[in-house]
Each structure stands twice: as C-alpha cells, then as structure tokens.
C-alpha cells in the first residue's frame, strides 16, 4: 500500500477558512489592505480576492461593511450608522481657505501641477499649504509631467479616499459632504481668487492653520 502523498501539505485552505483569515486581517489592521498584501500573509495557494467577495456579501446590510478603498480593502462602519461614532471623534480640524481650495483642486483635477493649481486659484500657492496637506497625508506627489522642466504633479492619497468613504476619486464628495465633515463653512468655492494680501495673512499665521471643532 502506497504512502499518502505530501501534496496535501501545499493545498490551499477551504474558501470558508480563507474568508475567516481575510476577516481577521481586516479587523486587526487600521489601514486598508491590498489583495497583494493579503496574498503575502495567507497560506500558499489561497485566493484572497474570492474570499473577499464572499466576505463582502456576508457583511452586506450589517453594522460594518467590507469596502474597497482605492486598490485596497477595509472593514468600516456602515455609512448610515456614522452618527453613532460622533462621540469617538476627538477633534475635527478645519483647513484654511487656501488649504481647502488647494485640496479641492488636487482632488477634482488630479494629477495637477503647482502651476495649474495657481492658475485655477488665481494666486500663488504657498509651500506651507502644500506641506500641510502632505503632512496630513491627504495629498502626495504623483508622476512628473513629460513637459519642459518635468514639473511634479499632486494627487489625493488613499487616506483621503478612506476618510470620505470613497472607492476612488470619481466618487468625490460635494460641498454638502465637505461641510458635514467640518472642512468647509460659508466660504467662496474652490477656484475663487483671493487677493495676495489675504493669501499672505493666511499663510503667515501657520499656528492657527487648524481650529478645534469640538
């Protein structure tokens, strides 16, 4: 009688077990996880994409959902239950007009260069404004344009998409959603030019760039 082959040692776990593995990883990780990262963590031969499909369906209509954020996946509170999390918010920050206009231009026109941002706003963009948005991890450097000088472009980050519960930039929020998130009040819309003196006053007071909304 022949001995059992060792091939079973390399067989992938049942899909139900893979689903449990994906669920455990997503629950334990604050940041969204890509399929590639899941593949690297799970046993050889696993199919995390299929496991995600099963898991996403199982969580439909529940208090938390499996959602796609850019090219990654995460478990997040169901959108209609977000109001229950308000007490968990430690601080809401309001960006200056210069920063929110710059962020909005990047979000809706990405990839966009600094010169293009300045052309849309009608005034120069302070390096401090760009630095603040990068430090918040809401925008990042994109590819350089294949034009004279090869200027760098800016795009929104996965963190920006995750904050607004977006799968991709095509699902960007409108003014109502931005105001609900505490990022806008009754200010001119992005693209409205302001004077150089107003710009200078905003950028000079970097210590008051953010205001508590508690």
C-alpha atoms as a PDB file:
ATOM      1  CA  UNK A   1       0.000   0.000   0.000  1.00  0.00           C
ATOM      2  CA  UNK A   2       1.479   3.321  -1.063  1.00  0.00           C
ATOM      3  CA  UNK A   3       2.001   6.110   1.453  1.00  0.00           C
ATOM      4  CA  UNK A   4      -0.165   9.271   1.219  1.00  0.00           C
ATOM      5  CA  UNK A   5       1.381  11.930  -0.961  1.00  0.00           C
ATOM      6  CA  UNK A   6       2.549  15.167   0.606  1.00  0.00           C
ATOM      7  CA  UNK A   7       0.657  17.294  -1.897  1.00  0.00           C
ATOM      8  CA  UNK A   8      -1.998  17.992   0.723  1.00  0.00           C
ATOM      9  CA  UNK A   9       0.577  19.968   2.668  1.00  0.00           C
ATOM     10  CA  UNK A  10       0.540  22.565  -0.106  1.00  0.00           C
ATOM     11  CA  UNK A  11      -3.190  22.679  -0.749  1.00  0.00           C
ATOM     12  CA  UNK A  12      -4.944  25.950  -0.008  1.00  0.00           C
ATOM     13  CA  UNK A  13      -7.330  26.026   2.976  1.00  0.00           C
ATOM     14  CA  UNK A  14     -11.075  25.738   2.225  1.00  0.00           C
ATOM     15  CA  UNK A  15     -12.572  29.015   0.999  1.00  0.00           C
ATOM     16  CA  UNK A  16     -14.556  29.356   4.238  1.00  0.00           C
ATOM     17  CA  UNK A  17     -11.299  29.278   6.191  1.00  0.00           C
ATOM     18  CA  UNK A  18      -9.709  31.772   3.808  1.00  0.00           C
ATOM     19  CA  UNK A  19     -12.682  34.037   4.398  1.00  0.00           C
ATOM     20  CA  UNK A  20     -12.048  33.858   8.147  1.00  0.00           C
ATOM     21  CA  UNK A  21      -8.378  34.707   7.577  1.00  0.00           C
ATOM     22  CA  UNK A  22      -9.227  37.764   5.479  1.00  0.00           C
ATOM     23  CA  UNK A  23     -11.762  38.854   8.097  1.00  0.00           C
ATOM     24  CA  UNK A  24      -9.167  38.571  10.868  1.00  0.00           C
ATOM     25  CA  UNK A  25      -6.585  40.575   8.909  1.00  0.00           C
ATOM     26  CA  UNK A  26      -9.007  43.375   8.057  1.00  0.00           C
ATOM     27  CA  UNK A  27     -10.233  43.633  11.652  1.00  0.00           C
ATOM     28  CA  UNK A  28      -6.701  43.783  13.028  1.00  0.00           C
ATOM     29  CA  UNK A  29      -5.418  46.354  10.535  1.00  0.00           C
ATOM     30  CA  UNK A  30      -6.415  50.014  10.775  1.00  0.00           C
ATOM     31  CA  UNK A  31      -5.267  50.844   7.250  1.00  0.00           C
ATOM     32  CA  UNK A  32      -6.840  49.324   4.126  1.00  0.00           C
ATOM     33  CA  UNK A  33      -5.116  46.151   2.874  1.00  0.00           C
ATOM     34  CA  UNK A  34      -4.480  45.257  -0.761  1.00  0.00           C
ATOM     35  CA  UNK A  35      -5.088  41.833  -2.294  1.00  0.00           C
ATOM     36  CA  UNK A  36      -1.342  41.543  -2.836  1.00  0.00           C
ATOM     37  CA  UNK A  37      -0.713  42.084   0.877  1.00  0.00           C
ATOM     38  CA  UNK A  38      -3.368  39.519   1.759  1.00  0.00           C
ATOM     39  CA  UNK A  39      -1.771  37.018  -0.614  1.00  0.00           C
ATOM     40  CA  UNK A  40       1.572  37.509   1.110  1.00  0.00           C
ATOM     41  CA  UNK A  41       0.076  36.792   4.545  1.00  0.00           C
ATOM     42  CA  UNK A  42      -2.161  33.855   3.694  1.00  0.00           C
ATOM     43  CA  UNK A  43      -1.146  30.227   3.037  1.00  0.00           C
ATOM     44  CA  UNK A  44       0.207  29.237  -0.359  1.00  0.00           C
ATOM     45  CA  UNK A  45      -2.488  28.773  -2.980  1.00  0.00           C
ATOM     46  CA  UNK A  46      -5.068  30.972  -1.247  1.00  0.00           C
ATOM     47  CA  UNK A  47      -7.372  33.193  -3.286  1.00  0.00           C
ATOM     48  CA  UNK A  48      -7.972  36.317  -1.171  1.00  0.00           C
ATOM     49  CA  UNK A  49      -9.930  38.004  -3.973  1.00  0.00           C
ATOM     50  CA  UNK A  50     -12.539  35.233  -3.906  1.00  0.00           C
ATOM     51  CA  UNK A  51     -12.525  35.212  -0.100  1.00  0.00           C
ATOM     52  CA  UNK A  52     -13.116  38.990  -0.127  1.00  0.00           C
ATOM     53  CA  UNK A  53     -16.087  38.582  -2.464  1.00  0.00           C
ATOM     54  CA  UNK A  54     -17.678  36.081  -0.064  1.00  0.00           C
ATOM     55  CA  UNK A  55     -16.861  38.236   2.973  1.00  0.00           C
ATOM     56  CA  UNK A  56     -18.213  41.404   1.375  1.00  0.00           C
ATOM     57  CA  UNK A  57     -21.503  39.671   0.580  1.00  0.00           C
ATOM     58  CA  UNK A  58     -21.763  38.273   4.109  1.00  0.00           C
ATOM     59  CA  UNK A  59     -21.385  41.754   5.627  1.00  0.00           C
ATOM     60  CA  UNK A  60     -23.987  43.413   3.391  1.00  0.00           C
ATOM     61  CA  UNK A  61     -26.636  45.149   5.472  1.00  0.00           C
ATOM     62  CA  UNK A  62     -24.726  44.731   8.735  1.00  0.00           C
ATOM     63  CA  UNK A  63     -23.364  47.368  11.116  1.00  0.00           C
ATOM     64  CA  UNK A  64     -19.966  47.203   9.453  1.00  0.00           C
ATOM     65  CA  UNK A  65     -19.202  46.617   5.782  1.00  0.00           C
ATOM     66  CA  UNK A  66     -16.270  45.357   3.764  1.00  0.00           C
ATOM     67  CA  UNK A  67     -15.449  48.295   1.480  1.00  0.00           C
ATOM     68  CA  UNK A  68     -12.958  48.993  -1.265  1.00  0.00           C
ATOM     69  CA  UNK A  69     -10.685  51.991  -0.763  1.00  0.00           C
ATOM     70  CA  UNK A  70      -8.664  52.708  -3.885  1.00  0.00           C
ATOM     71  CA  UNK A  71      -6.977  49.392  -4.649  1.00  0.00           C
ATOM     72  CA  UNK A  72      -7.269  48.130  -1.069  1.00  0.00           C
ATOM     73  CA  UNK A  73      -9.932  46.750   1.278  1.00  0.00           C
ATOM     74  CA  UNK A  74     -11.093  47.581   4.802  1.00  0.00           C
ATOM     75  CA  UNK A  75     -13.883  46.981   7.318  1.00  0.00           C
ATOM     76  CA  UNK A  76     -15.739  50.196   8.051  1.00  0.00           C
ATOM     77  CA  UNK A  77     -18.880  51.329   9.873  1.00  0.00           C
ATOM     78  CA  UNK A  78     -21.981  51.299   7.662  1.00  0.00           C
ATOM     79  CA  UNK A  79     -22.495  54.830   6.271  1.00  0.00           C
ATOM     80  CA  UNK A  80     -25.983  55.200   7.753  1.00  0.00           C
ATOM     81  CA  UNK A  81     -24.634  54.465  11.238  1.00  0.00           C
ATOM     82  CA  UNK A  82     -21.825  57.002  11.163  1.00  0.00           C
ATOM     83  CA  UNK A  83     -23.707  59.296  13.553  1.00  0.00           C
ATOM     84  CA  UNK A  84     -23.162  56.712  16.303  1.00  0.00           C
ATOM     85  CA  UNK A  85     -19.417  57.306  16.105  1.00  0.00           C
ATOM     86  CA  UNK A  86     -19.551  61.053  16.743  1.00  0.00           C
ATOM     87  CA  UNK A  87     -18.593  60.732  20.395  1.00  0.00           C
ATOM     88  CA  UNK A  88     -15.496  58.815  19.358  1.00  0.00           C
ATOM     89  CA  UNK A  89     -14.206  61.796  17.364  1.00  0.00           C
ATOM     90  CA  UNK A  90     -11.514  63.520  19.399  1.00  0.00           C
ATOM     91  CA  UNK A  91     -11.038  66.504  17.154  1.00  0.00           C
ATOM     92  CA  UNK A  92     -12.317  67.862  13.868  1.00  0.00           C
ATOM     93  CA  UNK A  93      -9.961  70.134  12.002  1.00  0.00           C
ATOM     94  CA  UNK A  94     -10.843  72.956   9.670  1.00  0.00           C
ATOM     95  CA  UNK A  95      -8.360  73.784   6.977  1.00  0.00           C
ATOM     96  CA  UNK A  96      -7.695  77.372   5.973  1.00  0.00           C
ATOM     97  CA  UNK A  97      -9.362  78.628   2.827  1.00  0.00           C
ATOM     98  CA  UNK A  98      -6.059  78.399   0.953  1.00  0.00           C
ATOM     99  CA  UNK A  99      -5.574  74.776   2.029  1.00  0.00           C
ATOM    100  CA  UNK A 100      -9.126  73.606   1.292  1.00  0.00           C
ATOM    101  CA  UNK A 101      -9.102  75.257  -2.115  1.00  0.00           C
ATOM    102  CA  UNK A 102      -5.771  73.618  -2.923  1.00  0.00           C
ATOM    103  CA  UNK A 103      -7.006  70.241  -1.687  1.00  0.00           C
ATOM    104  CA  UNK A 104     -10.214  70.510  -3.698  1.00  0.00           C
ATOM    105  CA  UNK A 105      -8.329  71.435  -6.859  1.00  0.00           C
ATOM    106  CA  UNK A 106      -5.988  68.467  -6.444  1.00  0.00           C
ATOM    107  CA  UNK A 107      -8.929  66.133  -5.776  1.00  0.00           C
ATOM    108  CA  UNK A 108     -11.021  67.232  -8.729  1.00  0.00           C
ATOM    109  CA  UNK A 109      -8.244  67.903 -11.250  1.00  0.00           C
ATOM    110  CA  UNK A 110      -5.575  65.296 -10.372  1.00  0.00           C
ATOM    111  CA  UNK A 111      -2.906  64.818 -11.439  1.00  0.00           C
ATOM    112  CA  UNK A 112      -2.246  68.541 -11.261  1.00  0.00           C
ATOM    113  CA  UNK A 113       0.925  70.611 -11.073  1.00  0.00           C
ATOM    114  CA  UNK A 114       1.545  73.523  -8.736  1.00  0.00           C
ATOM    115  CA  UNK A 115       1.404  75.936 -11.684  1.00  0.00           C
ATOM    116  CA  UNK A 116      -2.006  74.568 -12.647  1.00  0.00           C
ATOM    117  CA  UNK A 117      -3.260  74.957  -9.073  1.00  0.00           C
ATOM    118  CA  UNK A 118      -2.115  78.579  -9.090  1.00  0.00           C
ATOM    119  CA  UNK A 119      -3.782  79.174 -12.465  1.00  0.00           C
ATOM    120  CA  UNK A 120      -7.112  77.839 -11.163  1.00  0.00           C
ATOM    121  CA  UNK A 121      -6.936  79.721  -7.836  1.00  0.00           C
ATOM    122  CA  UNK A 122      -5.673  82.926  -9.387  1.00  0.00           C
ATOM    123  CA  UNK A 123      -2.940  83.376  -6.755  1.00  0.00           C
ATOM    124  CA  UNK A 124       0.352  81.745  -5.874  1.00  0.00           C
ATOM    125  CA  UNK A 125       0.300  78.652  -3.661  1.00  0.00           C
ATOM    126  CA  UNK A 126       2.430  78.798  -0.552  1.00  0.00           C
ATOM    127  CA  UNK A 127       4.802  75.906   0.019  1.00  0.00           C
ATOM    128  CA  UNK A 128       3.454  75.775   3.566  1.00  0.00           C
ATOM    129  CA  UNK A 129      -0.035  74.956   2.262  1.00  0.00           C
ATOM    130  CA  UNK A 130       1.279  72.058   0.161  1.00  0.00           C
ATOM    131  CA  UNK A 131       3.433  70.823   3.051  1.00  0.00           C
ATOM    132  CA  UNK A 132       0.462  70.851   5.444  1.00  0.00           C
ATOM    133  CA  UNK A 133      -1.654  68.740   3.101  1.00  0.00           C
ATOM    134  CA  UNK A 134       1.206  66.298   2.569  1.00  0.00           C
ATOM    135  CA  UNK A 135       1.792  66.033   6.332  1.00  0.00           C
ATOM    136  CA  UNK A 136      -1.908  65.276   6.787  1.00  0.00           C
ATOM    137  CA  UNK A 137      -1.383  62.508   4.200  1.00  0.00           C
ATOM    138  CA  UNK A 138      -4.270  63.798   2.112  1.00  0.00           C
ATOM    139  CA  UNK A 139      -2.190  64.568  -0.983  1.00  0.00           C
ATOM    140  CA  UNK A 140       1.046  63.093  -2.280  1.00  0.00           C
ATOM    141  CA  UNK A 141       3.468  63.535  -5.153  1.00  0.00           C
ATOM    142  CA  UNK A 142       2.388  61.995  -8.448  1.00  0.00           C
ATOM    143  CA  UNK A 143       4.339  61.393 -11.623  1.00  0.00           C
ATOM    144  CA  UNK A 144       6.348  64.154 -13.220  1.00  0.00           C
ATOM    145  CA  UNK A 145       4.891  65.670 -16.366  1.00  0.00           C
ATOM    146  CA  UNK A 146       6.818  64.944 -19.543  1.00  0.00           C
ATOM    147  CA  UNK A 147       6.968  68.642 -20.331  1.00  0.00           C
ATOM    148  CA  UNK A 148       9.804  71.187 -20.111  1.00  0.00           C
ATOM    149  CA  UNK A 149      11.106  71.261 -16.569  1.00  0.00           C
ATOM    150  CA  UNK A 150       9.308  67.987 -15.798  1.00  0.00           C
ATOM    151  CA  UNK A 151       7.122  69.536 -13.065  1.00  0.00           C
ATOM    152  CA  UNK A 152       5.875  67.239 -10.317  1.00  0.00           C
ATOM    153  CA  UNK A 153       2.153  66.590 -10.033  1.00  0.00           C
ATOM    154  CA  UNK A 154      -0.035  66.107  -6.975  1.00  0.00           C
ATOM    155  CA  UNK A 155      -2.781  63.540  -6.377  1.00  0.00           C
ATOM    156  CA  UNK A 156      -5.004  62.667  -3.411  1.00  0.00           C
ATOM    157  CA  UNK A 157      -3.996  59.758  -1.203  1.00  0.00           C
ATOM    158  CA  UNK A 158      -5.712  56.552  -0.190  1.00  0.00           C
ATOM    159  CA  UNK A 159      -6.106  58.142   3.247  1.00  0.00           C
ATOM    160  CA  UNK A 160      -8.178  60.939   1.689  1.00  0.00           C
ATOM    161  CA  UNK A 161     -10.434  58.380  -0.009  1.00  0.00           C
ATOM    162  CA  UNK A 162     -10.730  56.380   3.215  1.00  0.00           C
ATOM    163  CA  UNK A 163     -11.685  59.491   5.217  1.00  0.00           C
ATOM    164  CA  UNK A 164     -14.645  60.181   2.940  1.00  0.00           C
ATOM    165  CA  UNK A 165     -15.551  56.507   2.426  1.00  0.00           C
ATOM    166  CA  UNK A 166     -14.749  56.634  -1.290  1.00  0.00           C
ATOM    167  CA  UNK A 167     -13.725  53.764  -3.535  1.00  0.00           C
ATOM    168  CA  UNK A 168     -11.983  56.064  -5.996  1.00  0.00           C
ATOM    169  CA  UNK A 169     -11.675  59.726  -6.918  1.00  0.00           C
ATOM    170  CA  UNK A 170     -14.692  59.510  -9.240  1.00  0.00           C
ATOM    171  CA  UNK A 171     -16.877  59.279  -6.132  1.00  0.00           C
ATOM    172  CA  UNK A 172     -15.643  62.566  -4.643  1.00  0.00           C
ATOM    173  CA  UNK A 173     -17.994  64.330  -2.222  1.00  0.00           C
ATOM    174  CA  UNK A 174     -19.853  67.523  -2.984  1.00  0.00           C
ATOM    175  CA  UNK A 175     -19.930  70.700  -0.934  1.00  0.00           C
ATOM    176  CA  UNK A 176     -22.611  69.283   1.397  1.00  0.00           C
ATOM    177  CA  UNK A 177     -20.421  66.345   2.374  1.00  0.00           C
ATOM    178  CA  UNK A 178     -17.353  68.547   2.813  1.00  0.00           C
ATOM    179  CA  UNK A 179     -19.257  70.867   5.155  1.00  0.00           C
ATOM    180  CA  UNK A 180     -20.667  67.895   7.110  1.00  0.00           C
ATOM    181  CA  UNK A 181     -17.108  66.676   7.645  1.00  0.00           C
ATOM    182  CA  UNK A 182     -16.173  70.054   9.157  1.00  0.00           C
ATOM    183  CA  UNK A 183     -13.847  71.012   6.318  1.00  0.00           C
ATOM    184  CA  UNK A 184     -15.884  73.841   4.854  1.00  0.00           C
ATOM    185  CA  UNK A 185     -18.040  76.626   6.146  1.00  0.00           C
ATOM    186  CA  UNK A 186     -19.555  79.553   4.274  1.00  0.00           C
ATOM    187  CA  UNK A 187     -16.536  80.328   2.182  1.00  0.00           C
ATOM    188  CA  UNK A 188     -16.076  81.023  -1.547  1.00  0.00           C
ATOM    189  CA  UNK A 189     -15.924  77.824  -3.648  1.00  0.00           C
ATOM    190  CA  UNK A 190     -12.592  76.421  -4.872  1.00  0.00           C
ATOM    191  CA  UNK A 191     -11.250  78.440  -7.770  1.00  0.00           C
ATOM    192  CA  UNK A 192     -12.421  81.797  -6.448  1.00  0.00           C
ATOM    193  CA  UNK A 193      -9.450  84.128  -6.492  1.00  0.00           C
ATOM    194  CA  UNK A 194      -8.399  85.983  -3.360  1.00  0.00           C
ATOM    195  CA  UNK A 195      -6.003  88.858  -3.023  1.00  0.00           C
ATOM    196  CA  UNK A 196      -2.295  88.430  -2.372  1.00  0.00           C
ATOM    197  CA  UNK A 197      -2.733  90.217   0.963  1.00  0.00           C
ATOM    198  CA  UNK A 198      -5.388  87.720   2.075  1.00  0.00           C
ATOM    199  CA  UNK A 199      -3.171  84.840   0.989  1.00  0.00           C
ATOM    200  CA  UNK A 200      -0.228  86.244   2.873  1.00  0.00           C
ATOM    201  CA  UNK A 201      -2.287  86.740   6.033  1.00  0.00           C
ATOM    202  CA  UNK A 202      -3.463  83.128   5.941  1.00  0.00           C
ATOM    203  CA  UNK A 203      -0.017  81.679   5.369  1.00  0.00           C
ATOM    204  CA  UNK A 204       1.686  83.908   7.930  1.00  0.00           C
ATOM    205  CA  UNK A 205      -0.454  82.500  10.733  1.00  0.00           C
ATOM    206  CA  UNK A 206       0.591  78.878  10.441  1.00  0.00           C
ATOM    207  CA  UNK A 207      -0.035  78.262  14.147  1.00  0.00           C
ATOM    208  CA  UNK A 208      -3.772  78.821  13.563  1.00  0.00           C
ATOM    209  CA  UNK A 209      -3.967  76.680  10.435  1.00  0.00           C
ATOM    210  CA  UNK A 210      -6.310  74.288  12.229  1.00  0.00           C
ATOM    211  CA  UNK A 211      -9.163  75.035  14.605  1.00  0.00           C
ATOM    212  CA  UNK A 212     -10.813  72.633  17.043  1.00  0.00           C
ATOM    213  CA  UNK A 213     -14.390  71.929  16.087  1.00  0.00           C
ATOM    214  CA  UNK A 214     -15.303  70.311  19.414  1.00  0.00           C
END
